[in-house]
Amino acid sequence: MIDHISLPVADIGRAKAFYDAVLGTVGYRRMMDYGQAAGYGDEHPHFWIGVPAEGEAQGGAAGVHIAFRARDRESVDAFHAAALAHGGRDNGAPGLRPRYHPDYYAGFAIDPDGNRIEAVCHLPA
């Protein structure tokens, strides 16, 4: 159900040092670095930390990001459309995000309470 969760941090260096140590105790490691963000996991990074971009929330519910795994690209499209039809706001139309990997197809929304949600499919078309 959950593909990954992201938490906002104020200082990426401090946060990496903290999570490197803490998550290492339960078998997870830092797997990816994207400048002001880092992903942790075992086979796939399911937990992310990152410094919010200017203008984004610095904490609380609006700073949390949850990505739901979708079975196919059509499901991502349906997720995004349903979010907008039921009071959500667009935060990134469905489409490929090749900067993550060539088959990363995702749609992003903000729910009525300001939480950032995503549906993602990792399978090729």
PDB file of N, CA and C in Angstrom:
ATOM      1  N   MET A   1       0.818  -1.192   0.000  1.00  0.00           N
ATOM      2  CA  MET A   1       0.000   0.000   0.000  1.00  0.00           C
ATOM      3  C   MET A   1       0.862   1.257   0.000  1.00  0.00           C
ATOM      4  N   ILE A   2       1.773   1.374   0.953  1.00  0.00           N
ATOM      5  CA  ILE A   2       2.631   2.556   1.027  1.00  0.00           C
ATOM      6  C   ILE A   2       3.887   2.288   0.204  1.00  0.00           C
ATOM      7  N   ASP A   3       4.166   3.163  -0.739  1.00  0.00           N
ATOM      8  CA  ASP A   3       5.396   3.057  -1.519  1.00  0.00           C
ATOM      9  C   ASP A   3       6.537   3.738  -0.784  1.00  0.00           C
ATOM     10  N   HIS A   4       6.285   4.969  -0.302  1.00  0.00           N
ATOM     11  CA  HIS A   4       7.283   5.656   0.506  1.00  0.00           C
ATOM     12  C   HIS A   4       6.643   6.804   1.273  1.00  0.00           C
ATOM     13  N   ILE A   5       7.339   7.232   2.314  1.00  0.00           N
ATOM     14  CA  ILE A   5       6.935   8.360   3.154  1.00  0.00           C
ATOM     15  C   ILE A   5       8.110   9.315   3.223  1.00  0.00           C
ATOM     16  N   SER A   6       7.817  10.613   3.189  1.00  0.00           N
ATOM     17  CA  SER A   6       8.871  11.630   3.286  1.00  0.00           C
ATOM     18  C   SER A   6       8.585  12.568   4.453  1.00  0.00           C
ATOM     19  N   LEU A   7       9.632  12.882   5.200  1.00  0.00           N
ATOM     20  CA  LEU A   7       9.521  13.835   6.303  1.00  0.00           C
ATOM     21  C   LEU A   7      10.378  15.052   6.018  1.00  0.00           C
ATOM     22  N   PRO A   8       9.881  16.244   6.372  1.00  0.00           N
ATOM     23  CA  PRO A   8      10.693  17.443   6.195  1.00  0.00           C
ATOM     24  C   PRO A   8      11.735  17.553   7.298  1.00  0.00           C
ATOM     25  N   VAL A   9      12.921  18.047   6.945  1.00  0.00           N
ATOM     26  CA  VAL A   9      13.993  18.283   7.919  1.00  0.00           C
ATOM     27  C   VAL A   9      14.568  19.678   7.688  1.00  0.00           C
ATOM     28  N   ALA A  10      15.128  20.261   8.710  1.00  0.00           N
ATOM     29  CA  ALA A  10      15.697  21.603   8.598  1.00  0.00           C
ATOM     30  C   ALA A  10      17.150  21.577   8.139  1.00  0.00           C
ATOM     31  N   ASP A  11      17.892  20.546   8.530  1.00  0.00           N
ATOM     32  CA  ASP A  11      19.318  20.455   8.234  1.00  0.00           C
ATOM     33  C   ASP A  11      19.603  19.051   7.712  1.00  0.00           C
ATOM     34  N   ILE A  12      19.846  18.929   6.411  1.00  0.00           N
ATOM     35  CA  ILE A  12      19.999  17.607   5.802  1.00  0.00           C
ATOM     36  C   ILE A  12      21.210  16.851   6.348  1.00  0.00           C
ATOM     37  N   GLY A  13      22.312  17.538   6.625  1.00  0.00           N
ATOM     38  CA  GLY A  13      23.497  16.870   7.174  1.00  0.00           C
ATOM     39  C   GLY A  13      23.234  16.275   8.536  1.00  0.00           C
ATOM     40  N   ARG A  14      22.616  17.052   9.393  1.00  0.00           N
ATOM     41  CA  ARG A  14      22.284  16.567  10.737  1.00  0.00           C
ATOM     42  C   ARG A  14      21.293  15.408  10.647  1.00  0.00           C
ATOM     43  N   ALA A  15      20.293  15.545   9.782  1.00  0.00           N
ATOM     44  CA  ALA A  15      19.276  14.504   9.644  1.00  0.00           C
ATOM     45  C   ALA A  15      19.876  13.211   9.102  1.00  0.00           C
ATOM     46  N   LYS A  16      20.782  13.312   8.118  1.00  0.00           N
ATOM     47  CA  LYS A  16      21.421  12.107   7.581  1.00  0.00           C
ATOM     48  C   LYS A  16      22.234  11.404   8.667  1.00  0.00           C
ATOM     49  N   ALA A  17      22.985  12.156   9.439  1.00  0.00           N
ATOM     50  CA  ALA A  17      23.774  11.558  10.517  1.00  0.00           C
ATOM     51  C   ALA A  17      22.861  10.838  11.505  1.00  0.00           C
ATOM     52  N   PHE A  18      21.741  11.462  11.845  1.00  0.00           N
ATOM     53  CA  PHE A  18      20.785  10.871  12.780  1.00  0.00           C
ATOM     54  C   PHE A  18      20.191   9.585  12.206  1.00  0.00           C
ATOM     55  N   TYR A  19      19.618   9.670  11.007  1.00  0.00           N
ATOM     56  CA  TYR A  19      18.942   8.504  10.434  1.00  0.00           C
ATOM     57  C   TYR A  19      19.912   7.413   9.987  1.00  0.00           C
ATOM     58  N   ASP A  20      21.135   7.770   9.584  1.00  0.00           N
ATOM     59  CA  ASP A  20      22.136   6.741   9.289  1.00  0.00           C
ATOM     60  C   ASP A  20      22.334   5.861  10.523  1.00  0.00           C
ATOM     61  N   ALA A  21      22.475   6.496  11.682  1.00  0.00           N
ATOM     62  CA  ALA A  21      22.717   5.761  12.920  1.00  0.00           C
ATOM     63  C   ALA A  21      21.473   5.021  13.398  1.00  0.00           C
ATOM     64  N   VAL A  22      20.359   5.715  13.434  1.00  0.00           N
ATOM     65  CA  VAL A  22      19.139   5.140  13.995  1.00  0.00           C
ATOM     66  C   VAL A  22      18.593   4.011  13.124  1.00  0.00           C
ATOM     67  N   LEU A  23      18.466   4.247  11.822  1.00  0.00           N
ATOM     68  CA  LEU A  23      17.879   3.216  10.957  1.00  0.00           C
ATOM     69  C   LEU A  23      18.821   2.040  10.735  1.00  0.00           C
ATOM     70  N   GLY A  24      20.125   2.270  10.888  1.00  0.00           N
ATOM     71  CA  GLY A  24      21.080   1.176  10.791  1.00  0.00           C
ATOM     72  C   GLY A  24      20.862   0.119  11.847  1.00  0.00           C
ATOM     73  N   THR A  25      20.328   0.516  12.983  1.00  0.00           N
ATOM     74  CA  THR A  25      20.097  -0.442  14.069  1.00  0.00           C
ATOM     75  C   THR A  25      18.980  -1.423  13.757  1.00  0.00           C
ATOM     76  N   VAL A  26      18.107  -1.080  12.803  1.00  0.00           N
ATOM     77  CA  VAL A  26      17.001  -1.973  12.448  1.00  0.00           C
ATOM     78  C   VAL A  26      17.139  -2.502  11.015  1.00  0.00           C
ATOM     79  N   GLY A  27      18.344  -2.401  10.469  1.00  0.00           N
ATOM     80  CA  GLY A  27      18.633  -3.032   9.198  1.00  0.00           C
ATOM     81  C   GLY A  27      18.437  -2.202   7.939  1.00  0.00           C
ATOM     82  N   TYR A  28      18.268  -0.902   8.077  1.00  0.00           N
ATOM     83  CA  TYR A  28      18.089  -0.050   6.900  1.00  0.00           C
ATOM     84  C   TYR A  28      19.310   0.837   6.703  1.00  0.00           C
ATOM     85  N   ARG A  29      19.527   1.240   5.442  1.00  0.00           N
ATOM     86  CA  ARG A  29      20.685   2.081   5.130  1.00  0.00           C
ATOM     87  C   ARG A  29      20.274   3.182   4.165  1.00  0.00           C
ATOM     88  N   ARG A  30      21.119   4.208   4.099  1.00  0.00           N
ATOM     89  CA  ARG A  30      20.894   5.270   3.122  1.00  0.00           C
ATOM     90  C   ARG A  30      21.213   4.706   1.754  1.00  0.00           C
ATOM     91  N   MET A  31      20.255   4.784   0.844  1.00  0.00           N
ATOM     92  CA  MET A  31      20.404   4.201  -0.480  1.00  0.00           C
ATOM     93  C   MET A  31      20.545   5.243  -1.580  1.00  0.00           C
ATOM     94  N   MET A  32      19.980   6.441  -1.369  1.00  0.00           N
ATOM     95  CA  MET A  32      20.014   7.473  -2.396  1.00  0.00           C
ATOM     96  C   MET A  32      20.198   8.841  -1.766  1.00  0.00           C
ATOM     97  N   ASP A  33      20.896   9.691  -2.498  1.00  0.00           N
ATOM     98  CA  ASP A  33      21.054  11.092  -2.123  1.00  0.00           C
ATOM     99  C   ASP A  33      20.678  11.959  -3.307  1.00  0.00           C
ATOM    100  N   TYR A  34      19.846  12.942  -3.068  1.00  0.00           N
ATOM    101  CA  TYR A  34      19.457  13.918  -4.092  1.00  0.00           C
ATOM    102  C   TYR A  34      19.671  15.312  -3.522  1.00  0.00           C
ATOM    103  N   GLY A  35      20.891  15.711  -3.337  1.00  0.00           N
ATOM    104  CA  GLY A  35      21.159  17.053  -2.820  1.00  0.00           C
ATOM    105  C   GLY A  35      20.610  17.246  -1.424  1.00  0.00           C
ATOM    106  N   GLN A  36      19.465  17.872  -1.326  1.00  0.00           N
ATOM    107  CA  GLN A  36      18.851  18.173  -0.038  1.00  0.00           C
ATOM    108  C   GLN A  36      17.852  17.103   0.398  1.00  0.00           C
ATOM    109  N   ALA A  37      17.966  15.901  -0.175  1.00  0.00           N
ATOM    110  CA  ALA A  37      17.087  14.794   0.201  1.00  0.00           C
ATOM    111  C   ALA A  37      17.890  13.485   0.213  1.00  0.00           C
ATOM    112  N   ALA A  38      17.406  12.526   1.007  1.00  0.00           N
ATOM    113  CA  ALA A  38      18.044  11.216   1.074  1.00  0.00           C
ATOM    114  C   ALA A  38      16.973  10.157   1.297  1.00  0.00           C
ATOM    115  N   GLY A  39      17.186   8.978   0.684  1.00  0.00           N
ATOM    116  CA  GLY A  39      16.250   7.874   0.811  1.00  0.00           C
ATOM    117  C   GLY A  39      16.865   6.682   1.501  1.00  0.00           C
ATOM    118  N   TYR A  40      16.092   6.043   2.383  1.00  0.00           N
ATOM    119  CA  TYR A  40      16.546   4.910   3.189  1.00  0.00           C
ATOM    120  C   TYR A  40      15.686   3.682   2.930  1.00  0.00           C
ATOM    121  N   GLY A  41      16.308   2.514   3.034  1.00  0.00           N
ATOM    122  CA  GLY A  41      15.571   1.275   2.893  1.00  0.00           C
ATOM    123  C   GLY A  41      16.502   0.101   2.945  1.00  0.00           C
ATOM    124  N   ASP A  42      16.023  -1.034   2.416  1.00  0.00           N
ATOM    125  CA  ASP A  42      16.871  -2.214   2.305  1.00  0.00           C
ATOM    126  C   ASP A  42      17.041  -2.576   0.838  1.00  0.00           C
ATOM    127  N   GLU A  43      15.964  -2.843   0.148  1.00  0.00           N
ATOM    128  CA  GLU A  43      16.038  -3.105  -1.295  1.00  0.00           C
ATOM    129  C   GLU A  43      15.560  -1.913  -2.119  1.00  0.00           C
ATOM    130  N   HIS A  44      14.753  -1.066  -1.545  1.00  0.00           N
ATOM    131  CA  HIS A  44      14.177   0.116  -2.194  1.00  0.00           C
ATOM    132  C   HIS A  44      14.019   1.182  -1.124  1.00  0.00           C
ATOM    133  N   PRO A  45      14.291   2.454  -1.432  1.00  0.00           N
ATOM    134  CA  PRO A  45      14.118   3.488  -0.410  1.00  0.00           C
ATOM    135  C   PRO A  45      12.638   3.797  -0.165  1.00  0.00           C
ATOM    136  N   HIS A  46      12.145   3.381   0.991  1.00  0.00           N
ATOM    137  CA  HIS A  46      10.744   3.611   1.352  1.00  0.00           C
ATOM    138  C   HIS A  46      10.579   4.762   2.343  1.00  0.00           C
ATOM    139  N   PHE A  47      11.661   5.275   2.858  1.00  0.00           N
ATOM    140  CA  PHE A  47      11.610   6.389   3.811  1.00  0.00           C
ATOM    141  C   PHE A  47      12.555   7.472   3.316  1.00  0.00           C
ATOM    142  N   TRP A  48      12.035   8.694   3.199  1.00  0.00           N
ATOM    143  CA  TRP A  48      12.818   9.826   2.688  1.00  0.00           C
ATOM    144  C   TRP A  48      12.825  10.965   3.681  1.00  0.00           C
ATOM    145  N   ILE A  49      13.923  11.686   3.703  1.00  0.00           N
ATOM    146  CA  ILE A  49      14.023  12.942   4.443  1.00  0.00           C
ATOM    147  C   ILE A  49      14.472  14.007   3.448  1.00  0.00           C
ATOM    148  N   GLY A  50      14.057  15.241   3.690  1.00  0.00           N
ATOM    149  CA  GLY A  50      14.480  16.297   2.784  1.00  0.00           C
ATOM    150  C   GLY A  50      14.156  17.673   3.307  1.00  0.00           C
ATOM    151  N   VAL A  51      14.976  18.628   2.898  1.00  0.00           N
ATOM    152  CA  VAL A  51      14.736  20.029   3.217  1.00  0.00           C
ATOM    153  C   VAL A  51      13.672  20.522   2.243  1.00  0.00           C
ATOM    154  N   PRO A  52      12.544  21.046   2.742  1.00  0.00           N
ATOM    155  CA  PRO A  52      11.498  21.527   1.846  1.00  0.00           C
ATOM    156  C   PRO A  52      12.006  22.651   0.947  1.00  0.00           C
ATOM    157  N   ALA A  53      11.501  22.670  -0.274  1.00  0.00           N
ATOM    158  CA  ALA A  53      11.832  23.762  -1.191  1.00  0.00           C
ATOM    159  C   ALA A  53      11.238  25.052  -0.638  1.00  0.00           C
ATOM    160  N   GLU A  54      11.807  26.165  -1.031  1.00  0.00           N
ATOM    161  CA  GLU A  54      11.315  27.454  -0.558  1.00  0.00           C
ATOM    162  C   GLU A  54       9.827  27.563  -0.838  1.00  0.00           C
ATOM    163  N   GLY A  55       9.076  27.968   0.161  1.00  0.00           N
ATOM    164  CA  GLY A  55       7.637  28.114   0.027  1.00  0.00           C
ATOM    165  C   GLY A  55       6.852  26.897   0.484  1.00  0.00           C
ATOM    166  N   GLU A  56       7.503  25.746   0.664  1.00  0.00           N
ATOM    167  CA  GLU A  56       6.818  24.564   1.161  1.00  0.00           C
ATOM    168  C   GLU A  56       6.781  24.591   2.683  1.00  0.00           C
ATOM    169  N   ALA A  57       5.868  23.853   3.238  1.00  0.00           N
ATOM    170  CA  ALA A  57       5.731  23.777   4.690  1.00  0.00           C
ATOM    171  C   ALA A  57       7.004  23.233   5.320  1.00  0.00           C
ATOM    172  N   GLN A  58       7.321  23.705   6.501  1.00  0.00           N
ATOM    173  CA  GLN A  58       8.520  23.271   7.207  1.00  0.00           C
ATOM    174  C   GLN A  58       8.251  22.182   8.235  1.00  0.00           C
ATOM    175  N   GLY A  59       7.032  21.754   8.388  1.00  0.00           N
ATOM    176  CA  GLY A  59       6.757  20.705   9.363  1.00  0.00           C
ATOM    177  C   GLY A  59       5.269  20.505   9.532  1.00  0.00           C
ATOM    178  N   GLY A  60       4.902  19.610  10.416  1.00  0.00           N
ATOM    179  CA  GLY A  60       3.503  19.317  10.635  1.00  0.00           C
ATOM    180  C   GLY A  60       2.917  18.549   9.470  1.00  0.00           C
ATOM    181  N   ALA A  61       1.606  18.420   9.461  1.00  0.00           N
ATOM    182  CA  ALA A  61       0.929  17.612   8.455  1.00  0.00           C
ATOM    183  C   ALA A  61       1.243  18.062   7.036  1.00  0.00           C
ATOM    184  N   ALA A  62       1.324  19.361   6.810  1.00  0.00           N
ATOM    185  CA  ALA A  62       1.565  19.841   5.447  1.00  0.00           C
ATOM    186  C   ALA A  62       2.959  19.466   4.958  1.00  0.00           C
ATOM    187  N   GLY A  63       3.865  19.170   5.862  1.00  0.00           N
ATOM    188  CA  GLY A  63       5.205  18.804   5.456  1.00  0.00           C
ATOM    189  C   GLY A  63       5.383  17.320   5.182  1.00  0.00           C
ATOM    190  N   VAL A  64       4.437  16.505   5.617  1.00  0.00           N
ATOM    191  CA  VAL A  64       4.525  15.068   5.417  1.00  0.00           C
ATOM    192  C   VAL A  64       4.065  14.725   4.008  1.00  0.00           C
ATOM    193  N   HIS A  65       4.714  13.738   3.409  1.00  0.00           N
ATOM    194  CA  HIS A  65       4.380  13.281   2.065  1.00  0.00           C
ATOM    195  C   HIS A  65       4.238  11.767   2.115  1.00  0.00           C
ATOM    196  N   ILE A  66       3.109  11.259   1.626  1.00  0.00           N
ATOM    197  CA  ILE A  66       2.892   9.817   1.569  1.00  0.00           C
ATOM    198  C   ILE A  66       2.609   9.430   0.130  1.00  0.00           C
ATOM    199  N   ALA A  67       3.338   8.432  -0.369  1.00  0.00           N
ATOM    200  CA  ALA A  67       3.133   7.916  -1.723  1.00  0.00           C
ATOM    201  C   ALA A  67       2.519   6.523  -1.639  1.00  0.00           C
ATOM    202  N   PHE A  68       1.406   6.346  -2.326  1.00  0.00           N
ATOM    203  CA  PHE A  68       0.720   5.062  -2.388  1.00  0.00           C
ATOM    204  C   PHE A  68       1.134   4.343  -3.667  1.00  0.00           C
ATOM    205  N   ARG A  69       1.442   3.065  -3.565  1.00  0.00           N
ATOM    206  CA  ARG A  69       1.833   2.283  -4.732  1.00  0.00           C
ATOM    207  C   ARG A  69       0.589   1.947  -5.548  1.00  0.00           C
ATOM    208  N   ALA A  70       0.649   2.238  -6.844  1.00  0.00           N
ATOM    209  CA  ALA A  70      -0.449   1.934  -7.763  1.00  0.00           C
ATOM    210  C   ALA A  70      -0.070   0.734  -8.627  1.00  0.00           C
ATOM    211  N   ARG A  71      -1.064  -0.042  -9.040  1.00  0.00           N
ATOM    212  CA  ARG A  71      -0.801  -1.258  -9.813  1.00  0.00           C
ATOM    213  C   ARG A  71      -0.459  -0.968 -11.269  1.00  0.00           C
ATOM    214  N   ASP A  72      -0.894   0.207 -11.788  1.00  0.00           N
ATOM    215  CA  ASP A  72      -0.594   0.559 -13.176  1.00  0.00           C
ATOM    216  C   ASP A  72      -0.756   2.067 -13.358  1.00  0.00           C
ATOM    217  N   ARG A  73      -0.382   2.558 -14.526  1.00  0.00           N
ATOM    218  CA  ARG A  73      -0.430   3.990 -14.795  1.00  0.00           C
ATOM    219  C   ARG A  73      -1.864   4.517 -14.835  1.00  0.00           C
ATOM    220  N   GLU A  74      -2.793   3.709 -15.284  1.00  0.00           N
ATOM    221  CA  GLU A  74      -4.191   4.122 -15.307  1.00  0.00           C
ATOM    222  C   GLU A  74      -4.699   4.384 -13.891  1.00  0.00           C
ATOM    223  N   SER A  75      -4.229   3.595 -12.935  1.00  0.00           N
ATOM    224  CA  SER A  75      -4.617   3.797 -11.539  1.00  0.00           C
ATOM    225  C   SER A  75      -4.061   5.113 -11.003  1.00  0.00           C
ATOM    226  N   VAL A  76      -2.859   5.466 -11.426  1.00  0.00           N
ATOM    227  CA  VAL A  76      -2.283   6.767 -11.033  1.00  0.00           C
ATOM    228  C   VAL A  76      -3.163   7.886 -11.576  1.00  0.00           C
ATOM    229  N   ASP A  77      -3.554   7.790 -12.842  1.00  0.00           N
ATOM    230  CA  ASP A  77      -4.416   8.809 -13.451  1.00  0.00           C
ATOM    231  C   ASP A  77      -5.739   8.920 -12.686  1.00  0.00           C
ATOM    232  N   ALA A  78      -6.338   7.767 -12.336  1.00  0.00           N
ATOM    233  CA  ALA A  78      -7.610   7.757 -11.615  1.00  0.00           C
ATOM    234  C   ALA A  78      -7.468   8.352 -10.214  1.00  0.00           C
ATOM    235  N   PHE A  79      -6.379   8.030  -9.529  1.00  0.00           N
ATOM    236  CA  PHE A  79      -6.094   8.583  -8.198  1.00  0.00           C
ATOM    237  C   PHE A  79      -6.067  10.104  -8.253  1.00  0.00           C
ATOM    238  N   HIS A  80      -5.316  10.650  -9.206  1.00  0.00           N
ATOM    239  CA  HIS A  80      -5.163  12.096  -9.340  1.00  0.00           C
ATOM    240  C   HIS A  80      -6.509  12.744  -9.653  1.00  0.00           C
ATOM    241  N   ALA A  81      -7.257  12.173 -10.588  1.00  0.00           N
ATOM    242  CA  ALA A  81      -8.561  12.724 -10.960  1.00  0.00           C
ATOM    243  C   ALA A  81      -9.531  12.698  -9.781  1.00  0.00           C
ATOM    244  N   ALA A  82      -9.546  11.593  -9.029  1.00  0.00           N
ATOM    245  CA  ALA A  82     -10.436  11.490  -7.870  1.00  0.00           C
ATOM    246  C   ALA A  82     -10.063  12.508  -6.799  1.00  0.00           C
ATOM    247  N   ALA A  83      -8.762  12.701  -6.587  1.00  0.00           N
ATOM    248  CA  ALA A  83      -8.321  13.681  -5.588  1.00  0.00           C
ATOM    249  C   ALA A  83      -8.834  15.075  -5.944  1.00  0.00           C
ATOM    250  N   LEU A  84      -8.704  15.452  -7.208  1.00  0.00           N
ATOM    251  CA  LEU A  84      -9.152  16.782  -7.624  1.00  0.00           C
ATOM    252  C   LEU A  84     -10.675  16.895  -7.582  1.00  0.00           C
ATOM    253  N   ALA A  85     -11.372  15.824  -7.920  1.00  0.00           N
ATOM    254  CA  ALA A  85     -12.835  15.837  -7.933  1.00  0.00           C
ATOM    255  C   ALA A  85     -13.438  15.892  -6.530  1.00  0.00           C
ATOM    256  N   HIS A  86     -12.654  15.523  -5.520  1.00  0.00           N
ATOM    257  CA  HIS A  86     -13.172  15.464  -4.154  1.00  0.00           C
ATOM    258  C   HIS A  86     -12.513  16.465  -3.219  1.00  0.00           C
ATOM    259  N   GLY A  87     -12.130  17.609  -3.751  1.00  0.00           N
ATOM    260  CA  GLY A  87     -11.647  18.703  -2.912  1.00  0.00           C
ATOM    261  C   GLY A  87     -10.153  18.832  -2.778  1.00  0.00           C
ATOM    262  N   GLY A  88      -9.390  17.969  -3.432  1.00  0.00           N
ATOM    263  CA  GLY A  88      -7.937  18.086  -3.393  1.00  0.00           C
ATOM    264  C   GLY A  88      -7.444  19.113  -4.407  1.00  0.00           C
ATOM    265  N   ARG A  89      -6.189  19.470  -4.272  1.00  0.00           N
ATOM    266  CA  ARG A  89      -5.564  20.407  -5.216  1.00  0.00           C
ATOM    267  C   ARG A  89      -4.436  19.699  -5.948  1.00  0.00           C
ATOM    268  N   ASP A  90      -4.233  20.097  -7.190  1.00  0.00           N
ATOM    269  CA  ASP A  90      -3.160  19.530  -7.996  1.00  0.00           C
ATOM    270  C   ASP A  90      -1.803  19.910  -7.414  1.00  0.00           C
ATOM    271  N   ASN A  91      -0.912  18.940  -7.364  1.00  0.00           N
ATOM    272  CA  ASN A  91       0.460  19.191  -6.923  1.00  0.00           C
ATOM    273  C   ASN A  91       1.447  18.530  -7.887  1.00  0.00           C
ATOM    274  N   GLY A  92       0.971  18.226  -9.096  1.00  0.00           N
ATOM    275  CA  GLY A  92       1.795  17.591 -10.120  1.00  0.00           C
ATOM    276  C   GLY A  92       0.977  16.575 -10.891  1.00  0.00           C
ATOM    277  N   ALA A  93       0.648  16.899 -12.137  1.00  0.00           N
ATOM    278  CA  ALA A  93      -0.183  16.023 -12.967  1.00  0.00           C
ATOM    279  C   ALA A  93       0.491  14.668 -13.175  1.00  0.00           C
ATOM    280  N   PRO A  94      -0.301  13.634 -13.413  1.00  0.00           N
ATOM    281  CA  PRO A  94       0.276  12.323 -13.687  1.00  0.00           C
ATOM    282  C   PRO A  94       1.231  12.371 -14.881  1.00  0.00           C
ATOM    283  N   GLY A  95       2.333  11.684 -14.735  1.00  0.00           N
ATOM    284  CA  GLY A  95       3.309  11.615 -15.804  1.00  0.00           C
ATOM    285  C   GLY A  95       4.598  10.972 -15.327  1.00  0.00           C
ATOM    286  N   LEU A  96       5.510  10.777 -16.265  1.00  0.00           N
ATOM    287  CA  LEU A  96       6.813  10.209 -15.945  1.00  0.00           C
ATOM    288  C   LEU A  96       7.668  11.208 -15.192  1.00  0.00           C
ATOM    289  N   ARG A  97       8.434  10.713 -14.242  1.00  0.00           N
ATOM    290  CA  ARG A  97       9.410  11.502 -13.487  1.00  0.00           C
ATOM    291  C   ARG A  97      10.763  10.802 -13.648  1.00  0.00           C
ATOM    292  N   PRO A  98      11.392  10.913 -14.835  1.00  0.00           N
ATOM    293  CA  PRO A  98      12.623  10.159 -15.112  1.00  0.00           C
ATOM    294  C   PRO A  98      13.802  10.532 -14.228  1.00  0.00           C
ATOM    295  N   ARG A  99      13.727  11.658 -13.516  1.00  0.00           N
ATOM    296  CA  ARG A  99      14.848  11.982 -12.628  1.00  0.00           C
ATOM    297  C   ARG A  99      14.940  10.988 -11.479  1.00  0.00           C
ATOM    298  N   TYR A 100      13.831  10.296 -11.163  1.00  0.00           N
ATOM    299  CA  TYR A 100      13.857   9.259 -10.129  1.00  0.00           C
ATOM    300  C   TYR A 100      14.274   7.919 -10.732  1.00  0.00           C
ATOM    301  N   HIS A 101      13.635   7.509 -11.813  1.00  0.00           N
ATOM    302  CA  HIS A 101      14.056   6.390 -12.646  1.00  0.00           C
ATOM    303  C   HIS A 101      13.182   6.396 -13.894  1.00  0.00           C
ATOM    304  N   PRO A 102      13.593   5.720 -14.961  1.00  0.00           N
ATOM    305  CA  PRO A 102      12.903   5.845 -16.259  1.00  0.00           C
ATOM    306  C   PRO A 102      11.421   5.470 -16.259  1.00  0.00           C
ATOM    307  N   ASP A 103      10.984   4.588 -15.360  1.00  0.00           N
ATOM    308  CA  ASP A 103       9.589   4.148 -15.346  1.00  0.00           C
ATOM    309  C   ASP A 103       8.787   4.710 -14.170  1.00  0.00           C
ATOM    310  N   TYR A 104       9.281   5.749 -13.512  1.00  0.00           N
ATOM    311  CA  TYR A 104       8.588   6.334 -12.360  1.00  0.00           C
ATOM    312  C   TYR A 104       7.446   7.191 -12.887  1.00  0.00           C
ATOM    313  N   TYR A 105       6.229   6.675 -12.773  1.00  0.00           N
ATOM    314  CA  TYR A 105       5.032   7.371 -13.254  1.00  0.00           C
ATOM    315  C   TYR A 105       4.201   7.727 -12.031  1.00  0.00           C
ATOM    316  N   ALA A 106       3.965   9.013 -11.805  1.00  0.00           N
ATOM    317  CA  ALA A 106       3.301   9.441 -10.579  1.00  0.00           C
ATOM    318  C   ALA A 106       2.389  10.638 -10.812  1.00  0.00           C
ATOM    319  N   GLY A 107       1.424  10.770  -9.923  1.00  0.00           N
ATOM    320  CA  GLY A 107       0.549  11.934  -9.863  1.00  0.00           C
ATOM    321  C   GLY A 107       0.510  12.416  -8.428  1.00  0.00           C
ATOM    322  N   PHE A 108       0.491  13.734  -8.249  1.00  0.00           N
ATOM    323  CA  PHE A 108       0.602  14.337  -6.921  1.00  0.00           C
ATOM    324  C   PHE A 108      -0.599  15.239  -6.640  1.00  0.00           C
ATOM    325  N   ALA A 109      -1.059  15.222  -5.390  1.00  0.00           N
ATOM    326  CA  ALA A 109      -2.168  16.074  -4.973  1.00  0.00           C
ATOM    327  C   ALA A 109      -1.944  16.535  -3.538  1.00  0.00           C
ATOM    328  N   ILE A 110      -2.706  17.540  -3.160  1.00  0.00           N
ATOM    329  CA  ILE A 110      -2.742  18.017  -1.779  1.00  0.00           C
ATOM    330  C   ILE A 110      -4.169  17.805  -1.299  1.00  0.00           C
ATOM    331  N   ASP A 111      -4.333  17.058  -0.223  1.00  0.00           N
ATOM    332  CA  ASP A 111      -5.683  16.755   0.259  1.00  0.00           C
ATOM    333  C   ASP A 111      -6.304  17.993   0.897  1.00  0.00           C
ATOM    334  N   PRO A 112      -7.601  17.957   1.237  1.00  0.00           N
ATOM    335  CA  PRO A 112      -8.256  19.141   1.797  1.00  0.00           C
ATOM    336  C   PRO A 112      -7.642  19.673   3.087  1.00  0.00           C
ATOM    337  N   ASP A 113      -6.842  18.838   3.790  1.00  0.00           N
ATOM    338  CA  ASP A 113      -6.188  19.286   5.015  1.00  0.00           C
ATOM    339  C   ASP A 113      -4.745  19.718   4.806  1.00  0.00           C
ATOM    340  N   GLY A 114      -4.278  19.725   3.559  1.00  0.00           N
ATOM    341  CA  GLY A 114      -2.934  20.191   3.263  1.00  0.00           C
ATOM    342  C   GLY A 114      -1.860  19.120   3.226  1.00  0.00           C
ATOM    343  N   ASN A 115      -2.237  17.848   3.374  1.00  0.00           N
ATOM    344  CA  ASN A 115      -1.256  16.765   3.302  1.00  0.00           C
ATOM    345  C   ASN A 115      -0.901  16.482   1.846  1.00  0.00           C
ATOM    346  N   ARG A 116       0.365  16.206   1.597  1.00  0.00           N
ATOM    347  CA  ARG A 116       0.827  15.914   0.240  1.00  0.00           C
ATOM    348  C   ARG A 116       0.760  14.407   0.006  1.00  0.00           C
ATOM    349  N   ILE A 117       0.010  14.021  -1.033  1.00  0.00           N
ATOM    350  CA  ILE A 117      -0.157  12.605  -1.348  1.00  0.00           C
ATOM    351  C   ILE A 117       0.236  12.354  -2.803  1.00  0.00           C
ATOM    352  N   GLU A 118       0.603  11.125  -3.077  1.00  0.00           N
ATOM    353  CA  GLU A 118       1.075  10.732  -4.396  1.00  0.00           C
ATOM    354  C   GLU A 118       0.631   9.305  -4.667  1.00  0.00           C
ATOM    355  N   ALA A 119       0.366   9.005  -5.930  1.00  0.00           N
ATOM    356  CA  ALA A 119       0.230   7.617  -6.384  1.00  0.00           C
ATOM    357  C   ALA A 119       1.361   7.395  -7.372  1.00  0.00           C
ATOM    358  N   VAL A 120       2.050   6.246  -7.260  1.00  0.00           N
ATOM    359  CA  VAL A 120       3.189   5.973  -8.115  1.00  0.00           C
ATOM    360  C   VAL A 120       3.156   4.531  -8.624  1.00  0.00           C
ATOM    361  N   CYS A 121       3.513   4.382  -9.892  1.00  0.00           N
ATOM    362  CA  CYS A 121       3.675   3.075 -10.516  1.00  0.00           C
ATOM    363  C   CYS A 121       5.112   3.004 -11.028  1.00  0.00           C
ATOM    364  N   HIS A 122       5.798   1.928 -10.704  1.00  0.00           N
ATOM    365  CA  HIS A 122       7.196   1.771 -11.107  1.00  0.00           C
ATOM    366  C   HIS A 122       7.370   0.875 -12.330  1.00  0.00           C
ATOM    367  N   LEU A 123       6.278   0.439 -12.938  1.00  0.00           N
ATOM    368  CA  LEU A 123       6.333  -0.508 -14.042  1.00  0.00           C
ATOM    369  C   LEU A 123       6.401   0.210 -15.404  1.00  0.00           C
ATOM    370  N   PRO A 124       7.050  -0.388 -16.382  1.00  0.00           N
ATOM    371  CA  PRO A 124       7.063   0.209 -17.714  1.00  0.00           C
ATOM    372  C   PRO A 124       5.671   0.189 -18.337  1.00  0.00           C
ATOM    373  N   ALA A 125       5.446   1.071 -19.291  1.00  0.00           N
ATOM    374  CA  ALA A 125       4.128   1.168 -19.952  1.00  0.00           C
ATOM    375  C   ALA A 125       3.804  -0.093 -20.711  1.00  0.00           C
TER     376      ALA A 125
END
